[in-house]
Amino acid sequence: MIDKSLFLYWYPKIEGKLNTPKSIIVKITPGISNIINDIVIKLNENNISFPIFLKTDTYSAKWYWSKTCFVENITTLRSNIEYLSTLSEEDDSRPIDALIGKEYLTLESDFLAFDGMPVGKERRYFIENKRVLCHHPYWETEDIEFFNEDYPKNWKNLLTKLNTEDENEIVILSGMAERFAELINDDEYFSVDFAKDISGKWWVIDAAEGVKSYHNEDCEIFKLKQ
């Protein structure tokens, strides 16, 4: 069966048709030096400069930000790949088929978490039959609190502000989520993740099969899907 959560499955279907960060895909081959060379060559060919956002086909480990997905420059690329791969093997049961290097987006953010990750306006929309079922802020209080870092004293208020969804935003993202479903030509249950950059532009940053995505357990749609 096709794993529809794979970046390799859904990204080529939406590339150039929805707002997505420029991305390169490097299939896994023996030898980390070859992988690094392939990544650097493809980044240059696609005019993507450092810093970049690094992930596997399904996994980014944002909570270890500077050691995994945020690659500030070429000198840390090897160590980030190695650590990301190790965590992926430990936490994710799926094999690593490819590494993805993405254009880094500067997000609208009010504070940092996870060793320097900007906590931004990120949203997760669940769709089925090409229609939005529900939507939620991506970052919840429990996600941030778990790591017990040196946050600003008012971080919960800042997070509440970032997580406030207005009607215009909902209209925009609902349209993008439904367009996503049309482009991949699939009526199944999916999650689509969005982020807003400092210019006010919304981007599709990730997607997965709905059953494989975290879903707020208080949501009625989540309860129906159990």
N, C-alpha and C. Protein backbone atom coordinates (compact mmCIF):
# COMPACT_ATOMS: atom_id res chain seq x y z
N MET A 1 0.83 -1.20 0.00
CA MET A 1 0.00 0.00 0.00
C MET A 1 0.86 1.26 0.00
N ILE A 2 0.40 2.28 -0.65
CA ILE A 2 1.12 3.55 -0.70
C ILE A 2 0.99 4.28 0.64
N ASP A 3 2.11 4.75 1.18
CA ASP A 3 2.06 5.59 2.37
C ASP A 3 1.83 7.03 1.90
N LYS A 4 0.60 7.49 2.03
CA LYS A 4 0.24 8.80 1.51
C LYS A 4 0.71 9.95 2.39
N SER A 5 1.32 9.62 3.53
CA SER A 5 1.90 10.66 4.38
C SER A 5 3.27 11.11 3.88
N LEU A 6 3.84 10.36 2.96
CA LEU A 6 5.17 10.68 2.48
C LEU A 6 5.19 11.99 1.69
N PHE A 7 6.20 12.80 1.97
CA PHE A 7 6.42 14.03 1.21
C PHE A 7 6.51 13.72 -0.28
N LEU A 8 7.12 12.57 -0.60
CA LEU A 8 7.27 12.16 -1.99
C LEU A 8 5.93 11.89 -2.66
N TYR A 9 4.91 11.58 -1.87
CA TYR A 9 3.59 11.30 -2.43
C TYR A 9 2.84 12.59 -2.76
N TRP A 10 2.73 13.50 -1.77
CA TRP A 10 1.83 14.63 -1.96
C TRP A 10 2.51 15.89 -2.49
N TYR A 11 3.79 16.11 -2.17
CA TYR A 11 4.41 17.38 -2.56
C TYR A 11 4.46 17.59 -4.07
N PRO A 12 4.88 16.60 -4.87
CA PRO A 12 4.94 16.85 -6.32
C PRO A 12 3.58 17.19 -6.93
N LYS A 13 2.50 16.78 -6.28
CA LYS A 13 1.16 17.04 -6.80
C LYS A 13 0.72 18.50 -6.58
N ILE A 14 1.32 19.17 -5.57
CA ILE A 14 0.89 20.53 -5.26
C ILE A 14 1.95 21.57 -5.59
N GLU A 15 3.16 21.13 -5.89
CA GLU A 15 4.27 22.06 -6.14
C GLU A 15 3.92 23.02 -7.27
N GLY A 16 4.09 24.31 -7.01
CA GLY A 16 3.81 25.32 -8.01
C GLY A 16 2.35 25.69 -8.14
N LYS A 17 1.48 25.01 -7.39
CA LYS A 17 0.04 25.25 -7.49
C LYS A 17 -0.55 25.77 -6.17
N LEU A 18 0.18 25.58 -5.09
CA LEU A 18 -0.14 26.16 -3.79
C LEU A 18 1.14 26.80 -3.24
N ASN A 19 1.00 27.72 -2.29
CA ASN A 19 2.18 28.32 -1.67
C ASN A 19 2.91 27.26 -0.85
N THR A 20 4.06 26.86 -1.32
CA THR A 20 4.90 25.91 -0.60
C THR A 20 6.34 26.41 -0.62
N PRO A 21 7.09 26.19 0.45
CA PRO A 21 8.51 26.55 0.40
C PRO A 21 9.22 25.76 -0.69
N LYS A 22 10.14 26.40 -1.39
CA LYS A 22 10.94 25.67 -2.38
C LYS A 22 11.62 24.50 -1.67
N SER A 23 11.58 23.34 -2.28
CA SER A 23 12.08 22.14 -1.61
C SER A 23 12.87 21.27 -2.58
N ILE A 24 13.89 20.60 -2.02
CA ILE A 24 14.63 19.61 -2.80
C ILE A 24 14.48 18.25 -2.12
N ILE A 25 14.47 17.22 -2.93
CA ILE A 25 14.31 15.84 -2.45
C ILE A 25 15.55 15.05 -2.82
N VAL A 26 16.19 14.44 -1.82
CA VAL A 26 17.38 13.63 -2.06
C VAL A 26 17.10 12.23 -1.55
N LYS A 27 17.06 11.28 -2.46
CA LYS A 27 16.84 9.89 -2.08
C LYS A 27 18.04 9.39 -1.28
N ILE A 28 17.75 8.53 -0.31
CA ILE A 28 18.80 7.99 0.53
C ILE A 28 19.67 7.02 -0.26
N THR A 29 20.98 7.23 -0.18
CA THR A 29 21.96 6.34 -0.81
C THR A 29 23.03 6.01 0.22
N PRO A 30 23.77 4.91 0.06
CA PRO A 30 24.83 4.58 1.02
C PRO A 30 25.88 5.67 1.10
N GLY A 31 26.30 5.99 2.32
CA GLY A 31 27.37 6.96 2.51
C GLY A 31 26.87 8.37 2.73
N ILE A 32 27.11 8.91 3.91
CA ILE A 32 26.58 10.23 4.24
C ILE A 32 27.23 11.33 3.42
N SER A 33 28.49 11.13 3.01
CA SER A 33 29.16 12.17 2.20
C SER A 33 28.44 12.37 0.88
N ASN A 34 28.00 11.26 0.27
CA ASN A 34 27.25 11.37 -0.99
C ASN A 34 25.95 12.13 -0.78
N ILE A 35 25.29 11.87 0.34
CA ILE A 35 24.02 12.54 0.63
C ILE A 35 24.24 14.03 0.79
N ILE A 36 25.27 14.40 1.54
CA ILE A 36 25.58 15.82 1.75
C ILE A 36 25.88 16.50 0.42
N ASN A 37 26.70 15.88 -0.39
CA ASN A 37 27.02 16.45 -1.70
C ASN A 37 25.77 16.63 -2.55
N ASP A 38 24.90 15.62 -2.54
CA ASP A 38 23.66 15.70 -3.33
C ASP A 38 22.77 16.83 -2.84
N ILE A 39 22.68 16.98 -1.52
CA ILE A 39 21.85 18.05 -0.96
C ILE A 39 22.39 19.41 -1.37
N VAL A 40 23.69 19.61 -1.22
CA VAL A 40 24.29 20.91 -1.54
C VAL A 40 24.13 21.23 -3.02
N ILE A 41 24.33 20.25 -3.87
CA ILE A 41 24.18 20.46 -5.32
C ILE A 41 22.75 20.87 -5.65
N LYS A 42 21.79 20.15 -5.09
CA LYS A 42 20.38 20.44 -5.40
C LYS A 42 19.94 21.78 -4.82
N LEU A 43 20.45 22.13 -3.64
CA LEU A 43 20.14 23.45 -3.07
C LEU A 43 20.62 24.54 -4.00
N ASN A 44 21.85 24.40 -4.48
CA ASN A 44 22.41 25.41 -5.38
C ASN A 44 21.63 25.49 -6.69
N GLU A 45 21.25 24.33 -7.22
CA GLU A 45 20.51 24.30 -8.48
C GLU A 45 19.14 24.99 -8.35
N ASN A 46 18.57 24.95 -7.14
CA ASN A 46 17.25 25.52 -6.92
C ASN A 46 17.28 26.87 -6.22
N ASN A 47 18.49 27.46 -6.12
CA ASN A 47 18.67 28.78 -5.50
C ASN A 47 18.09 28.84 -4.08
N ILE A 48 18.34 27.77 -3.33
CA ILE A 48 17.94 27.74 -1.92
C ILE A 48 19.21 27.90 -1.09
N SER A 49 19.25 28.93 -0.27
CA SER A 49 20.43 29.21 0.52
C SER A 49 20.19 28.86 1.99
N PHE A 50 21.27 28.71 2.74
CA PHE A 50 21.16 28.48 4.17
C PHE A 50 20.73 29.75 4.88
N PRO A 51 19.98 29.62 5.99
CA PRO A 51 19.56 28.38 6.65
C PRO A 51 18.47 27.66 5.86
N ILE A 52 18.36 26.34 6.12
CA ILE A 52 17.31 25.55 5.50
C ILE A 52 16.56 24.79 6.59
N PHE A 53 15.38 24.29 6.20
CA PHE A 53 14.62 23.40 7.07
C PHE A 53 14.81 21.98 6.53
N LEU A 54 15.29 21.08 7.39
CA LEU A 54 15.62 19.71 7.00
C LEU A 54 14.64 18.73 7.62
N LYS A 55 14.19 17.77 6.84
CA LYS A 55 13.33 16.72 7.38
C LYS A 55 13.52 15.44 6.58
N THR A 56 13.03 14.34 7.13
CA THR A 56 12.94 13.12 6.34
C THR A 56 11.62 13.18 5.57
N ASP A 57 11.27 12.10 4.94
CA ASP A 57 10.02 12.04 4.20
C ASP A 57 8.80 12.25 5.10
N THR A 58 8.97 11.99 6.40
CA THR A 58 7.81 12.06 7.31
C THR A 58 8.09 12.75 8.63
N TYR A 59 9.34 13.17 8.88
CA TYR A 59 9.74 13.46 10.27
C TYR A 59 10.72 14.62 10.31
N SER A 60 10.53 15.53 11.31
CA SER A 60 11.46 16.67 11.40
C SER A 60 12.03 16.89 12.80
N ALA A 61 11.37 16.36 13.85
CA ALA A 61 11.86 16.50 15.23
C ALA A 61 12.10 17.96 15.60
N LYS A 62 11.06 18.79 15.45
CA LYS A 62 11.19 20.22 15.73
C LYS A 62 11.61 20.52 17.16
N TRP A 63 11.27 19.63 18.08
CA TRP A 63 11.57 19.89 19.50
C TRP A 63 13.07 19.81 19.81
N TYR A 64 13.88 19.39 18.84
CA TYR A 64 15.35 19.47 18.98
C TYR A 64 15.91 20.41 17.92
N TRP A 65 15.19 21.42 17.65
CA TRP A 65 15.33 22.40 16.58
C TRP A 65 16.72 22.54 15.97
N SER A 66 17.67 23.09 16.72
CA SER A 66 18.97 23.43 16.13
C SER A 66 19.84 22.20 15.87
N LYS A 67 19.46 21.06 16.43
CA LYS A 67 20.22 19.83 16.22
C LYS A 67 19.62 18.96 15.12
N THR A 68 18.40 19.30 14.67
CA THR A 68 17.72 18.44 13.71
C THR A 68 17.29 19.21 12.46
N CYS A 69 16.14 19.88 12.54
CA CYS A 69 15.53 20.42 11.32
C CYS A 69 16.05 21.80 10.91
N PHE A 70 16.57 22.58 11.84
CA PHE A 70 17.08 23.91 11.49
C PHE A 70 18.57 23.81 11.23
N VAL A 71 18.94 23.93 9.96
CA VAL A 71 20.35 23.85 9.57
C VAL A 71 20.81 25.25 9.20
N GLU A 72 21.59 25.83 10.11
CA GLU A 72 21.97 27.24 9.94
C GLU A 72 22.96 27.44 8.81
N ASN A 73 23.89 26.50 8.64
CA ASN A 73 24.88 26.63 7.57
C ASN A 73 25.42 25.26 7.22
N ILE A 74 26.24 25.20 6.21
CA ILE A 74 26.71 23.92 5.68
C ILE A 74 27.58 23.17 6.69
N THR A 75 28.20 23.87 7.62
CA THR A 75 29.09 23.20 8.56
C THR A 75 28.34 22.31 9.54
N THR A 76 27.06 22.57 9.75
CA THR A 76 26.30 21.74 10.69
C THR A 76 25.44 20.70 9.97
N LEU A 77 25.49 20.67 8.65
CA LEU A 77 24.60 19.79 7.89
C LEU A 77 24.81 18.33 8.25
N ARG A 78 26.04 17.90 8.32
CA ARG A 78 26.31 16.49 8.63
C ARG A 78 25.75 16.09 10.00
N SER A 79 26.04 16.90 11.03
CA SER A 79 25.58 16.54 12.37
C SER A 79 24.05 16.58 12.48
N ASN A 80 23.42 17.51 11.77
CA ASN A 80 21.96 17.57 11.79
C ASN A 80 21.35 16.32 11.12
N ILE A 81 21.93 15.92 10.00
CA ILE A 81 21.44 14.72 9.32
C ILE A 81 21.58 13.50 10.23
N GLU A 82 22.73 13.37 10.88
CA GLU A 82 22.98 12.22 11.72
C GLU A 82 22.02 12.17 12.91
N TYR A 83 21.80 13.32 13.55
CA TYR A 83 20.92 13.34 14.72
C TYR A 83 19.46 13.13 14.31
N LEU A 84 19.06 13.77 13.24
CA LEU A 84 17.69 13.60 12.74
C LEU A 84 17.44 12.14 12.37
N SER A 85 18.40 11.51 11.73
CA SER A 85 18.25 10.11 11.33
C SER A 85 18.16 9.20 12.54
N THR A 86 18.98 9.48 13.56
CA THR A 86 18.94 8.67 14.78
C THR A 86 17.59 8.77 15.46
N LEU A 87 17.08 9.99 15.61
CA LEU A 87 15.78 10.17 16.25
C LEU A 87 14.66 9.55 15.41
N SER A 88 14.78 9.65 14.11
CA SER A 88 13.76 9.07 13.24
C SER A 88 13.70 7.56 13.42
N GLU A 89 14.86 6.93 13.52
CA GLU A 89 14.89 5.48 13.73
C GLU A 89 14.29 5.09 15.07
N GLU A 90 14.48 5.95 16.08
CA GLU A 90 13.98 5.65 17.41
C GLU A 90 12.48 5.92 17.55
N ASP A 91 12.00 7.00 16.93
CA ASP A 91 10.63 7.47 17.16
C ASP A 91 9.65 7.13 16.05
N ASP A 92 10.14 6.93 14.84
CA ASP A 92 9.26 6.76 13.69
C ASP A 92 9.49 5.38 13.09
N SER A 93 8.45 4.59 13.00
CA SER A 93 8.60 3.21 12.55
C SER A 93 8.82 3.10 11.05
N ARG A 94 8.61 4.20 10.30
CA ARG A 94 8.75 4.14 8.86
C ARG A 94 10.20 4.33 8.42
N PRO A 95 10.64 3.61 7.40
CA PRO A 95 12.03 3.78 6.92
C PRO A 95 12.23 5.17 6.32
N ILE A 96 13.47 5.63 6.34
CA ILE A 96 13.81 6.92 5.73
C ILE A 96 14.11 6.68 4.26
N ASP A 97 13.22 7.15 3.40
CA ASP A 97 13.42 7.00 1.96
C ASP A 97 14.15 8.19 1.35
N ALA A 98 13.99 9.36 1.99
CA ALA A 98 14.58 10.56 1.40
C ALA A 98 14.77 11.63 2.48
N LEU A 99 15.69 12.54 2.19
CA LEU A 99 15.84 13.74 2.99
C LEU A 99 15.34 14.92 2.16
N ILE A 100 14.68 15.85 2.86
CA ILE A 100 14.08 17.00 2.21
C ILE A 100 14.75 18.27 2.73
N GLY A 101 15.23 19.10 1.83
CA GLY A 101 15.77 20.40 2.20
C GLY A 101 14.83 21.49 1.73
N LYS A 102 14.31 22.28 2.66
CA LYS A 102 13.29 23.26 2.33
C LYS A 102 13.77 24.69 2.57
N GLU A 103 13.33 25.57 1.71
CA GLU A 103 13.54 27.00 1.91
C GLU A 103 13.05 27.38 3.31
N TYR A 104 13.87 28.11 4.06
CA TYR A 104 13.49 28.48 5.42
C TYR A 104 12.55 29.67 5.41
N LEU A 105 11.43 29.52 6.11
CA LEU A 105 10.45 30.59 6.21
C LEU A 105 10.62 31.32 7.54
N THR A 106 10.67 32.64 7.50
CA THR A 106 10.69 33.42 8.73
C THR A 106 9.24 33.68 9.13
N LEU A 107 8.82 33.02 10.19
CA LEU A 107 7.42 33.04 10.58
C LEU A 107 7.09 34.20 11.51
N GLU A 108 5.82 34.59 11.49
CA GLU A 108 5.31 35.54 12.46
C GLU A 108 5.35 34.85 13.82
N SER A 109 6.14 35.37 14.75
CA SER A 109 6.38 34.68 16.01
C SER A 109 6.60 35.68 17.13
N ASP A 110 6.22 35.27 18.36
CA ASP A 110 6.38 36.17 19.52
C ASP A 110 7.34 35.65 20.58
N PHE A 111 7.71 34.36 20.51
CA PHE A 111 8.70 33.84 21.45
C PHE A 111 9.29 32.56 20.90
N LEU A 112 10.36 32.08 21.55
CA LEU A 112 11.09 30.90 21.09
C LEU A 112 10.85 29.73 22.04
N ALA A 113 10.95 28.53 21.48
CA ALA A 113 10.88 27.30 22.28
C ALA A 113 11.81 26.27 21.64
N PHE A 114 11.97 25.13 22.31
CA PHE A 114 12.72 24.02 21.72
C PHE A 114 14.11 24.43 21.24
N ASP A 115 14.88 25.05 22.12
CA ASP A 115 16.25 25.41 21.78
C ASP A 115 16.33 26.36 20.60
N GLY A 116 15.41 27.35 20.59
CA GLY A 116 15.51 28.41 19.60
C GLY A 116 14.47 28.40 18.50
N MET A 117 13.51 27.49 18.52
CA MET A 117 12.49 27.46 17.47
C MET A 117 11.48 28.59 17.65
N PRO A 118 11.27 29.42 16.62
CA PRO A 118 10.23 30.45 16.72
C PRO A 118 8.84 29.81 16.77
N VAL A 119 8.10 30.06 17.83
CA VAL A 119 6.73 29.57 17.91
C VAL A 119 5.87 30.50 17.08
N GLY A 120 5.29 29.99 16.01
CA GLY A 120 4.60 30.85 15.06
C GLY A 120 3.13 30.57 14.93
N LYS A 121 2.52 31.27 13.98
CA LYS A 121 1.12 31.02 13.65
C LYS A 121 1.07 29.82 12.72
N GLU A 122 0.87 28.65 13.31
CA GLU A 122 0.78 27.41 12.55
C GLU A 122 -0.57 26.77 12.83
N ARG A 123 -1.15 26.17 11.82
CA ARG A 123 -2.48 25.59 11.92
C ARG A 123 -2.49 24.20 11.29
N ARG A 124 -3.38 23.35 11.80
CA ARG A 124 -3.60 22.02 11.20
C ARG A 124 -5.06 21.89 10.82
N TYR A 125 -5.30 21.62 9.53
CA TYR A 125 -6.66 21.42 9.02
C TYR A 125 -6.85 19.95 8.66
N PHE A 126 -7.99 19.39 9.07
CA PHE A 126 -8.33 18.02 8.71
C PHE A 126 -9.39 18.06 7.61
N ILE A 127 -9.17 17.28 6.57
CA ILE A 127 -10.07 17.26 5.42
C ILE A 127 -10.46 15.83 5.08
N GLU A 128 -11.61 15.70 4.45
CA GLU A 128 -12.07 14.42 3.93
C GLU A 128 -13.12 14.71 2.87
N ASN A 129 -13.12 13.90 1.81
CA ASN A 129 -14.02 14.15 0.68
C ASN A 129 -13.90 15.58 0.15
N LYS A 130 -12.65 16.06 0.19
CA LYS A 130 -12.30 17.40 -0.34
C LYS A 130 -13.01 18.54 0.40
N ARG A 131 -13.36 18.31 1.67
CA ARG A 131 -14.00 19.34 2.49
C ARG A 131 -13.33 19.38 3.86
N VAL A 132 -13.29 20.57 4.44
CA VAL A 132 -12.68 20.74 5.77
C VAL A 132 -13.61 20.17 6.83
N LEU A 133 -13.04 19.32 7.70
CA LEU A 133 -13.80 18.76 8.81
C LEU A 133 -13.64 19.60 10.07
N CYS A 134 -12.42 20.05 10.32
CA CYS A 134 -12.13 20.85 11.52
C CYS A 134 -10.74 21.45 11.36
N HIS A 135 -10.39 22.36 12.25
CA HIS A 135 -9.06 22.98 12.21
C HIS A 135 -8.67 23.41 13.61
N HIS A 136 -7.34 23.41 13.86
CA HIS A 136 -6.82 23.69 15.20
C HIS A 136 -5.48 24.40 15.11
N PRO A 137 -5.13 25.22 16.10
CA PRO A 137 -3.75 25.70 16.19
C PRO A 137 -2.80 24.51 16.33
N TYR A 138 -1.66 24.60 15.70
CA TYR A 138 -0.69 23.49 15.73
C TYR A 138 -0.04 23.34 17.10
N TRP A 139 0.36 24.47 17.70
CA TRP A 139 1.06 24.41 18.97
C TRP A 139 0.08 24.60 20.12
N GLU A 140 0.02 23.64 21.02
CA GLU A 140 -0.82 23.72 22.19
C GLU A 140 0.04 24.00 23.42
N THR A 141 -0.61 24.48 24.47
CA THR A 141 0.13 24.82 25.70
C THR A 141 0.97 23.65 26.19
N GLU A 142 0.41 22.45 26.14
CA GLU A 142 1.12 21.27 26.65
C GLU A 142 2.38 20.98 25.86
N ASP A 143 2.36 21.27 24.55
CA ASP A 143 3.54 21.05 23.72
C ASP A 143 4.71 21.88 24.20
N ILE A 144 4.42 23.14 24.52
CA ILE A 144 5.46 24.09 24.92
C ILE A 144 5.89 23.83 26.37
N GLU A 145 4.93 23.60 27.22
CA GLU A 145 5.17 23.46 28.66
C GLU A 145 6.03 22.26 28.99
N PHE A 146 5.89 21.20 28.20
CA PHE A 146 6.57 19.94 28.46
C PHE A 146 8.09 20.11 28.57
N PHE A 147 8.64 21.02 27.79
CA PHE A 147 10.10 21.17 27.73
C PHE A 147 10.64 22.10 28.81
N ASN A 148 9.76 22.85 29.47
CA ASN A 148 10.14 23.63 30.66
C ASN A 148 11.39 24.48 30.43
N GLU A 149 11.38 25.23 29.35
CA GLU A 149 12.52 26.10 29.04
C GLU A 149 12.32 27.49 29.65
N ASP A 150 13.27 28.35 29.40
CA ASP A 150 13.25 29.70 29.97
C ASP A 150 12.42 30.62 29.07
N TYR A 151 11.11 30.43 29.11
CA TYR A 151 10.21 31.23 28.27
C TYR A 151 9.92 32.58 28.94
N PRO A 152 9.42 33.53 28.17
CA PRO A 152 8.95 34.79 28.78
C PRO A 152 7.84 34.49 29.79
N LYS A 153 7.73 35.31 30.82
CA LYS A 153 6.72 35.06 31.85
C LYS A 153 5.31 35.04 31.29
N ASN A 154 5.07 35.80 30.24
CA ASN A 154 3.73 35.88 29.66
C ASN A 154 3.57 34.98 28.44
N TRP A 155 4.34 33.89 28.35
CA TRP A 155 4.34 33.08 27.14
C TRP A 155 2.98 32.48 26.83
N LYS A 156 2.20 32.17 27.86
CA LYS A 156 0.87 31.58 27.60
C LYS A 156 -0.05 32.60 26.93
N ASN A 157 0.06 33.85 27.34
CA ASN A 157 -0.72 34.90 26.69
C ASN A 157 -0.26 35.11 25.25
N LEU A 158 1.05 35.05 25.05
CA LEU A 158 1.58 35.20 23.69
C LEU A 158 1.11 34.05 22.80
N LEU A 159 1.09 32.84 23.36
CA LEU A 159 0.64 31.69 22.59
C LEU A 159 -0.85 31.80 22.26
N THR A 160 -1.63 32.26 23.22
CA THR A 160 -3.07 32.45 22.97
C THR A 160 -3.29 33.42 21.82
N LYS A 161 -2.50 34.50 21.81
CA LYS A 161 -2.61 35.49 20.72
C LYS A 161 -2.24 34.86 19.38
N LEU A 162 -1.14 34.11 19.35
CA LEU A 162 -0.72 33.45 18.11
C LEU A 162 -1.76 32.44 17.63
N ASN A 163 -2.44 31.80 18.58
CA ASN A 163 -3.38 30.73 18.24
C ASN A 163 -4.80 31.23 17.93
N THR A 164 -5.02 32.52 18.02
CA THR A 164 -6.35 33.07 17.73
C THR A 164 -6.60 33.04 16.23
N GLU A 165 -7.66 32.34 15.84
CA GLU A 165 -7.99 32.19 14.42
C GLU A 165 -9.13 33.16 14.06
N ASP A 166 -8.87 34.07 13.12
CA ASP A 166 -9.94 34.98 12.72
C ASP A 166 -10.65 34.46 11.47
N GLU A 167 -11.77 35.08 11.14
CA GLU A 167 -12.60 34.58 10.05
C GLU A 167 -11.90 34.63 8.70
N ASN A 168 -11.13 35.69 8.46
CA ASN A 168 -10.42 35.81 7.19
C ASN A 168 -9.41 34.68 7.03
N GLU A 169 -8.69 34.39 8.10
CA GLU A 169 -7.73 33.30 8.09
C GLU A 169 -8.42 31.97 7.77
N ILE A 170 -9.54 31.73 8.42
CA ILE A 170 -10.26 30.46 8.23
C ILE A 170 -10.72 30.31 6.78
N VAL A 171 -11.19 31.40 6.19
CA VAL A 171 -11.62 31.36 4.79
C VAL A 171 -10.43 31.02 3.88
N ILE A 172 -9.30 31.68 4.11
CA ILE A 172 -8.11 31.46 3.28
C ILE A 172 -7.62 30.01 3.40
N LEU A 173 -7.48 29.55 4.64
CA LEU A 173 -6.91 28.22 4.84
C LEU A 173 -7.88 27.11 4.46
N SER A 174 -9.16 27.34 4.64
CA SER A 174 -10.14 26.34 4.19
C SER A 174 -10.05 26.17 2.68
N GLY A 175 -9.92 27.29 1.98
CA GLY A 175 -9.77 27.23 0.53
C GLY A 175 -8.51 26.50 0.11
N MET A 176 -7.40 26.78 0.82
CA MET A 176 -6.14 26.12 0.48
C MET A 176 -6.20 24.63 0.79
N ALA A 177 -6.84 24.27 1.91
CA ALA A 177 -6.94 22.86 2.29
C ALA A 177 -7.77 22.08 1.27
N GLU A 178 -8.88 22.66 0.84
CA GLU A 178 -9.72 21.99 -0.15
C GLU A 178 -9.04 21.92 -1.51
N ARG A 179 -8.28 22.94 -1.84
CA ARG A 179 -7.50 22.92 -3.08
C ARG A 179 -6.43 21.83 -3.02
N PHE A 180 -5.84 21.66 -1.86
CA PHE A 180 -4.86 20.58 -1.66
C PHE A 180 -5.49 19.23 -2.02
N ALA A 181 -6.69 18.98 -1.49
CA ALA A 181 -7.37 17.71 -1.76
C ALA A 181 -7.66 17.54 -3.24
N GLU A 182 -8.04 18.62 -3.90
CA GLU A 182 -8.31 18.54 -5.34
C GLU A 182 -7.03 18.21 -6.11
N LEU A 183 -5.92 18.82 -5.72
CA LEU A 183 -4.67 18.62 -6.45
C LEU A 183 -4.12 17.21 -6.28
N ILE A 184 -4.24 16.65 -5.09
CA ILE A 184 -3.75 15.28 -4.91
C ILE A 184 -4.80 14.28 -5.38
N ASN A 185 -6.00 14.80 -5.71
CA ASN A 185 -7.08 13.97 -6.26
C ASN A 185 -7.39 12.79 -5.33
N ASP A 186 -7.67 13.12 -4.08
CA ASP A 186 -7.88 12.09 -3.07
C ASP A 186 -8.98 12.54 -2.12
N ASP A 187 -9.95 11.67 -1.87
CA ASP A 187 -11.06 11.98 -0.97
C ASP A 187 -10.82 11.47 0.45
N GLU A 188 -9.65 10.89 0.70
CA GLU A 188 -9.42 10.30 2.01
C GLU A 188 -9.18 11.37 3.08
N TYR A 189 -9.08 10.89 4.30
CA TYR A 189 -8.91 11.71 5.51
C TYR A 189 -7.45 12.15 5.62
N PHE A 190 -7.20 13.47 5.52
CA PHE A 190 -5.86 14.02 5.55
C PHE A 190 -5.76 15.17 6.55
N SER A 191 -4.55 15.41 7.01
CA SER A 191 -4.24 16.67 7.70
C SER A 191 -3.35 17.50 6.80
N VAL A 192 -3.54 18.82 6.84
CA VAL A 192 -2.69 19.75 6.09
C VAL A 192 -2.25 20.83 7.07
N ASP A 193 -0.94 21.07 7.13
CA ASP A 193 -0.38 22.05 8.05
C ASP A 193 0.00 23.33 7.31
N PHE A 194 -0.30 24.45 7.96
CA PHE A 194 -0.03 25.77 7.39
C PHE A 194 0.79 26.61 8.37
N ALA A 195 1.56 27.56 7.83
CA ALA A 195 2.29 28.53 8.65
C ALA A 195 2.24 29.89 7.98
N LYS A 196 2.24 30.94 8.80
CA LYS A 196 2.17 32.31 8.31
C LYS A 196 3.52 32.99 8.48
N ASP A 197 4.04 33.57 7.40
CA ASP A 197 5.34 34.24 7.50
C ASP A 197 5.17 35.70 7.92
N ILE A 198 6.28 36.39 8.07
CA ILE A 198 6.23 37.76 8.60
C ILE A 198 5.61 38.74 7.62
N SER A 199 5.48 38.35 6.36
CA SER A 199 4.82 39.23 5.38
C SER A 199 3.31 39.04 5.39
N GLY A 200 2.82 38.05 6.14
CA GLY A 200 1.39 37.78 6.19
C GLY A 200 0.93 36.69 5.23
N LYS A 201 1.87 36.04 4.57
CA LYS A 201 1.54 35.01 3.59
C LYS A 201 1.44 33.65 4.26
N TRP A 202 0.40 32.87 3.89
CA TRP A 202 0.22 31.52 4.41
C TRP A 202 0.84 30.50 3.45
N TRP A 203 1.47 29.47 4.05
CA TRP A 203 2.16 28.44 3.28
C TRP A 203 1.69 27.05 3.73
N VAL A 204 1.62 26.13 2.77
CA VAL A 204 1.47 24.70 3.11
C VAL A 204 2.86 24.19 3.48
N ILE A 205 3.00 23.70 4.70
CA ILE A 205 4.33 23.25 5.13
C ILE A 205 4.41 21.75 5.35
N ASP A 206 3.26 21.07 5.48
CA ASP A 206 3.31 19.62 5.67
C ASP A 206 1.91 19.04 5.46
N ALA A 207 1.85 17.73 5.34
CA ALA A 207 0.57 17.02 5.19
C ALA A 207 0.80 15.56 5.55
N ALA A 208 -0.29 14.89 5.87
CA ALA A 208 -0.21 13.47 6.23
C ALA A 208 -1.60 12.87 6.23
N GLU A 209 -1.65 11.55 6.23
CA GLU A 209 -2.92 10.88 6.41
C GLU A 209 -3.45 11.24 7.80
N GLY A 210 -4.74 11.52 7.88
CA GLY A 210 -5.33 11.98 9.13
C GLY A 210 -5.13 11.04 10.29
N VAL A 211 -5.19 9.74 10.04
CA VAL A 211 -5.05 8.76 11.12
C VAL A 211 -3.64 8.72 11.69
N LYS A 212 -2.67 9.29 10.96
CA LYS A 212 -1.29 9.30 11.41
C LYS A 212 -0.88 10.65 11.99
N SER A 213 -1.83 11.58 12.11
CA SER A 213 -1.54 12.94 12.56
C SER A 213 -2.09 13.16 13.96
N TYR A 214 -1.36 13.94 14.76
CA TYR A 214 -1.88 14.31 16.07
C TYR A 214 -3.14 15.14 15.88
N HIS A 215 -4.15 14.84 16.71
CA HIS A 215 -5.43 15.54 16.63
C HIS A 215 -5.88 15.84 18.06
N ASN A 216 -6.28 17.08 18.29
CA ASN A 216 -6.77 17.48 19.61
C ASN A 216 -7.87 16.52 20.06
N GLU A 217 -7.67 15.88 21.21
CA GLU A 217 -8.59 14.84 21.65
C GLU A 217 -9.94 15.37 22.11
N ASP A 218 -10.05 16.67 22.31
CA ASP A 218 -11.34 17.26 22.67
C ASP A 218 -12.23 17.51 21.46
N CYS A 219 -11.66 17.38 20.27
CA CYS A 219 -12.39 17.67 19.04
C CYS A 219 -13.41 16.56 18.75
N GLU A 220 -14.61 16.94 18.35
CA GLU A 220 -15.65 15.97 18.03
C GLU A 220 -15.27 15.11 16.83
N ILE A 221 -14.55 15.69 15.88
CA ILE A 221 -14.12 14.92 14.72
C ILE A 221 -13.13 13.83 15.15
N PHE A 222 -12.23 14.18 16.07
CA PHE A 222 -11.29 13.18 16.58
C PHE A 222 -12.04 12.02 17.21
N LYS A 223 -13.06 12.33 18.01
CA LYS A 223 -13.84 11.27 18.68
C LYS A 223 -14.55 10.39 17.67
N LEU A 224 -15.05 10.99 16.60
CA LEU A 224 -15.75 10.22 15.58
C LEU A 224 -14.81 9.30 14.82
N LYS A 225 -13.54 9.71 14.72
CA LYS A 225 -12.59 8.95 13.93
C LYS A 225 -11.95 7.80 14.72
N GLN A 226 -12.22 7.72 16.03
CA GLN A 226 -11.64 6.66 16.85
C GLN A 226 -12.38 5.33 16.66
